[in-house]
Amino acid sequence: MDSQHRRRGVCLEVETGMRAVVVVTLCSMLQGCFFFYIPGELKTTVQDTITGDKGAHCVATNAALGDSIRVPGGRMGTVVGLYGTSYRCTEKLYPIRADLVFTS
């Protein structure tokens, strides 16, 4: 093995050692920290539980209980609950969250 290959091997060993030192240092600095990841689905479920909102559909402001509404999939549903404006309803034409029951 020539001296150039030996130097490369030494550099790789030093680089790997430095990475280990950095990881250990970061872990020791963060020993009192806690990180929580809350998935979006869980967050919205908790918000719905607190507010009591139901329904997975957004309807126009003129919708009323008992109205028949066609959803984008083509099915017809009857409005059984209206829950006011919702952060889930991002389209300006349909700002009201509603609970629908579908007919066959």
Protein backbone atom coordinates (compact mmCIF):
# COMPACT_ATOMS: atom_id res chain seq x y z
CA MET A 1 0.00 0.00 0.00
CA ASP A 2 1.49 3.36 -0.92
CA SER A 3 1.56 6.40 1.34
CA GLN A 4 -1.31 8.11 -0.49
CA HIS A 5 -3.71 5.23 0.29
CA ARG A 6 -2.57 5.17 3.91
CA ARG A 7 -3.29 8.91 4.25
CA ARG A 8 -6.78 8.43 2.83
CA GLY A 9 -7.45 5.66 5.34
CA VAL A 10 -6.25 7.83 8.22
CA CYS A 11 -8.40 10.75 7.01
CA LEU A 12 -11.48 8.50 6.86
CA GLU A 13 -10.83 7.25 10.39
CA VAL A 14 -10.41 10.81 11.68
CA GLU A 15 -13.58 11.95 9.87
CA THR A 16 -15.60 9.06 11.33
CA GLY A 17 -14.20 9.80 14.77
CA MET A 18 -15.13 13.48 14.46
CA ARG A 19 -18.69 12.55 13.52
CA ALA A 20 -18.98 10.39 16.61
CA VAL A 21 -17.67 13.22 18.80
CA VAL A 22 -20.20 15.67 17.30
CA VAL A 23 -23.11 13.25 17.84
CA VAL A 24 -22.12 12.57 21.45
CA THR A 25 -21.71 16.30 22.11
CA LEU A 26 -25.12 17.12 20.66
CA CYS A 27 -26.79 14.34 22.62
CA SER A 28 -25.26 15.53 25.88
CA MET A 29 -26.37 19.13 25.19
CA LEU A 30 -29.95 18.00 24.53
CA GLN A 31 -30.35 15.69 27.51
CA GLY A 32 -32.94 17.93 29.18
CA CYS A 33 -34.97 18.59 26.03
CA PHE A 34 -38.05 16.75 24.89
CA PHE A 35 -39.41 16.79 21.37
CA PHE A 36 -42.97 15.81 20.55
CA TYR A 37 -44.32 15.25 17.08
CA ILE A 38 -48.10 15.41 16.87
CA PRO A 39 -49.46 14.25 13.52
CA GLY A 40 -51.97 16.58 11.86
CA GLU A 41 -54.71 13.95 11.94
CA LEU A 42 -54.44 13.59 15.71
CA LYS A 43 -54.40 17.35 16.21
CA THR A 44 -57.60 17.87 14.22
CA THR A 45 -59.28 14.98 16.05
CA VAL A 46 -58.47 16.57 19.41
CA GLN A 47 -59.71 19.97 18.20
CA ASP A 48 -62.96 18.39 16.99
CA THR A 49 -63.42 16.65 20.34
CA ILE A 50 -62.98 19.91 22.22
CA THR A 51 -65.27 21.95 19.96
CA GLY A 52 -67.82 19.19 19.36
CA ASP A 53 -67.68 19.68 15.60
CA LYS A 54 -68.57 16.79 13.33
CA GLY A 55 -68.83 16.22 9.63
CA ALA A 56 -66.30 15.87 6.88
CA HIS A 57 -67.96 18.01 4.21
CA CYS A 58 -68.04 21.71 3.47
CA VAL A 59 -71.23 23.35 2.22
CA ALA A 60 -72.43 26.79 1.11
CA THR A 61 -73.68 29.35 3.59
CA ASN A 62 -77.26 28.92 2.39
CA ALA A 63 -77.38 25.19 3.22
CA ALA A 64 -80.02 24.13 5.73
CA LEU A 65 -80.86 20.98 7.67
CA GLY A 66 -82.61 18.47 5.45
CA ASP A 67 -81.19 19.86 2.18
CA SER A 68 -79.97 17.35 -0.39
CA ILE A 69 -76.45 18.08 -1.56
CA ARG A 70 -74.36 16.42 -4.26
CA VAL A 71 -70.74 15.87 -3.20
CA PRO A 72 -67.81 15.91 -5.66
CA GLY A 73 -67.90 12.11 -5.98
CA GLY A 74 -71.42 12.37 -7.42
CA ARG A 75 -73.28 10.89 -4.43
CA MET A 76 -76.28 12.65 -2.90
CA GLY A 77 -76.29 13.41 0.81
CA THR A 78 -78.77 14.92 3.23
CA VAL A 79 -77.56 17.58 5.67
CA VAL A 80 -78.11 16.38 9.24
CA GLY A 81 -75.84 18.85 11.03
CA LEU A 82 -74.30 22.28 10.44
CA TYR A 83 -71.34 23.39 12.55
CA GLY A 84 -70.45 26.89 11.35
CA THR A 85 -67.30 28.06 9.63
CA SER A 86 -64.34 25.74 9.93
CA TYR A 87 -60.60 25.88 9.42
CA ARG A 88 -61.02 22.68 7.39
CA CYS A 89 -63.19 24.41 4.79
CA THR A 90 -60.66 26.34 2.75
CA GLU A 91 -62.81 27.06 -0.31
CA LYS A 92 -64.59 30.43 0.00
CA LEU A 93 -67.77 29.18 -1.70
CA TYR A 94 -68.21 26.40 0.89
CA PRO A 95 -67.13 27.75 4.32
CA ILE A 96 -69.59 25.82 6.53
CA ARG A 97 -68.77 22.40 7.93
CA ALA A 98 -71.60 19.92 7.69
CA ASP A 99 -72.48 16.36 8.61
CA LEU A 100 -74.11 14.47 5.74
CA VAL A 101 -75.98 11.16 5.53
CA PHE A 102 -75.75 9.50 2.15
CA THR A 103 -78.56 7.73 0.39
CA SER A 104 -77.94 4.73 -1.85
